[in-house]
Amino acid sequence: MVERRQVTVGTMGVRQSLFTTHPARTVVLAFATVILGGTGLLSLPIASEQGSATGFVTALFTSTSAVCVTGLVVVDTGTYWSGFGEGVILALIQVGGFGIIALAPCWRC
């Protein structure tokens, strides 16, 4: 006997397929989520030393650079960012470094 399964297409099926189709897609989505979260936090007025909101491109570039552990900056980290902003950058570096180290064995395959 052949067992037949009914496939339903809906929002749950699409959401589930985004995360389970391929591991590389999950990695890219995880990095993008962390980068966008960091961008949001660095855009807050509390993140800058002057107490004003940071531009989207500056926050996005800084967040991407921190997560990808490249060390490139648009503004001087020590003078532009407040303690909160520097803490966010430190957390992004830690999360990005952990992600790279955790995925390093996967690249051998």
Protein backbone atom coordinates (compact mmCIF):
# COMPACT_ATOMS: atom_id res chain seq x y z
CA MET A 1 0.00 0.00 0.00
CA VAL A 2 1.16 3.47 -0.83
CA GLU A 3 0.51 6.12 1.74
CA ARG A 4 -0.43 9.50 0.35
CA ARG A 5 0.06 12.71 2.23
CA GLN A 6 -1.84 15.84 1.50
CA VAL A 7 0.32 18.90 1.15
CA THR A 8 -1.26 22.16 2.20
CA VAL A 9 0.08 25.45 1.05
CA GLY A 10 -0.49 28.28 3.46
CA THR A 11 1.39 30.68 5.64
CA MET A 12 2.60 27.94 7.96
CA GLY A 13 3.95 25.95 5.02
CA VAL A 14 5.81 28.97 3.68
CA ARG A 15 7.18 29.93 7.09
CA GLN A 16 8.27 26.38 7.76
CA SER A 17 9.91 26.03 4.35
CA LEU A 18 11.98 29.20 4.87
CA PHE A 19 13.79 27.67 7.82
CA THR A 20 13.90 24.00 6.87
CA THR A 21 14.68 23.87 3.18
CA HIS A 22 18.43 24.34 3.38
CA PRO A 23 20.84 24.99 6.27
CA ALA A 24 22.58 27.79 4.35
CA ARG A 25 19.31 29.69 4.17
CA THR A 26 18.93 29.41 7.93
CA VAL A 27 22.44 30.80 8.45
CA VAL A 28 21.83 33.74 6.13
CA LEU A 29 18.49 34.53 7.79
CA ALA A 30 20.08 34.32 11.26
CA PHE A 31 22.90 36.70 10.32
CA ALA A 32 20.44 39.09 8.64
CA THR A 33 18.21 39.05 11.71
CA VAL A 34 21.11 39.83 14.05
CA ILE A 35 22.35 42.59 11.73
CA LEU A 36 18.93 44.21 11.51
CA GLY A 37 18.44 43.94 15.27
CA GLY A 38 21.81 45.59 15.84
CA THR A 39 20.93 48.29 13.33
CA GLY A 40 17.76 49.03 15.24
CA LEU A 41 19.56 49.25 18.57
CA LEU A 42 22.37 51.42 17.17
CA SER A 43 19.79 53.77 15.63
CA LEU A 44 18.38 54.63 19.06
CA PRO A 45 19.34 58.03 20.51
CA ILE A 46 20.74 56.35 23.63
CA ALA A 47 23.38 54.60 21.49
CA SER A 48 25.19 57.80 20.47
CA GLU A 49 27.27 60.01 22.72
CA GLN A 50 25.40 63.15 21.56
CA GLY A 51 22.01 61.63 22.38
CA SER A 52 20.71 61.98 18.83
CA ALA A 53 19.49 59.24 16.52
CA THR A 54 22.13 57.71 14.25
CA GLY A 55 21.49 57.51 10.51
CA PHE A 56 20.26 54.20 9.13
CA VAL A 57 23.25 53.64 6.82
CA THR A 58 25.78 54.33 9.57
CA ALA A 59 24.00 52.01 11.98
CA LEU A 60 23.59 49.31 9.31
CA PHE A 61 27.24 49.46 8.23
CA THR A 62 28.49 49.39 11.81
CA SER A 63 26.20 46.50 12.70
CA THR A 64 27.17 44.50 9.59
CA SER A 65 30.84 45.13 10.20
CA ALA A 66 30.55 44.03 13.83
CA VAL A 67 28.62 40.83 13.07
CA CYS A 68 30.93 39.88 10.21
CA VAL A 69 33.94 40.74 12.42
CA THR A 70 35.65 42.91 9.78
CA GLY A 71 36.44 45.90 11.99
CA LEU A 72 35.49 48.54 9.44
CA VAL A 73 33.84 51.68 10.83
CA VAL A 74 32.30 54.85 9.46
CA VAL A 75 32.55 56.82 12.70
CA ASP A 76 35.08 56.60 15.51
CA THR A 77 33.75 53.99 17.91
CA GLY A 78 35.32 55.46 21.06
CA THR A 79 34.01 58.98 20.60
CA TYR A 80 30.75 58.58 18.65
CA TRP A 81 29.04 55.72 20.49
CA SER A 82 27.90 55.88 24.12
CA GLY A 83 28.47 53.06 26.58
CA PHE A 84 25.19 51.49 25.46
CA GLY A 85 26.23 51.70 21.79
CA GLU A 86 29.63 50.22 22.52
CA GLY A 87 27.95 47.40 24.46
CA VAL A 88 25.70 46.68 21.48
CA ILE A 89 28.73 46.59 19.17
CA LEU A 90 30.54 44.27 21.58
CA ALA A 91 27.54 41.94 21.70
CA LEU A 92 27.32 41.92 17.89
CA ILE A 93 31.01 41.03 17.63
CA GLN A 94 30.53 38.19 20.11
CA VAL A 95 27.46 36.81 18.34
CA GLY A 96 29.11 37.09 14.93
CA GLY A 97 32.31 35.44 16.14
CA PHE A 98 30.36 32.63 17.74
CA GLY A 99 28.41 32.11 14.52
CA ILE A 100 31.58 31.92 12.44
CA ILE A 101 33.29 29.51 14.86
CA ALA A 102 30.17 27.33 15.16
CA LEU A 103 29.85 27.09 11.38
CA ALA A 104 33.55 26.53 10.60
CA PRO A 105 33.30 22.71 10.68
CA CYS A 106 30.43 22.86 8.17
CA TRP A 107 32.65 24.39 5.50
CA ARG A 108 34.85 21.28 5.36
CA CYS A 109 32.02 19.25 3.85
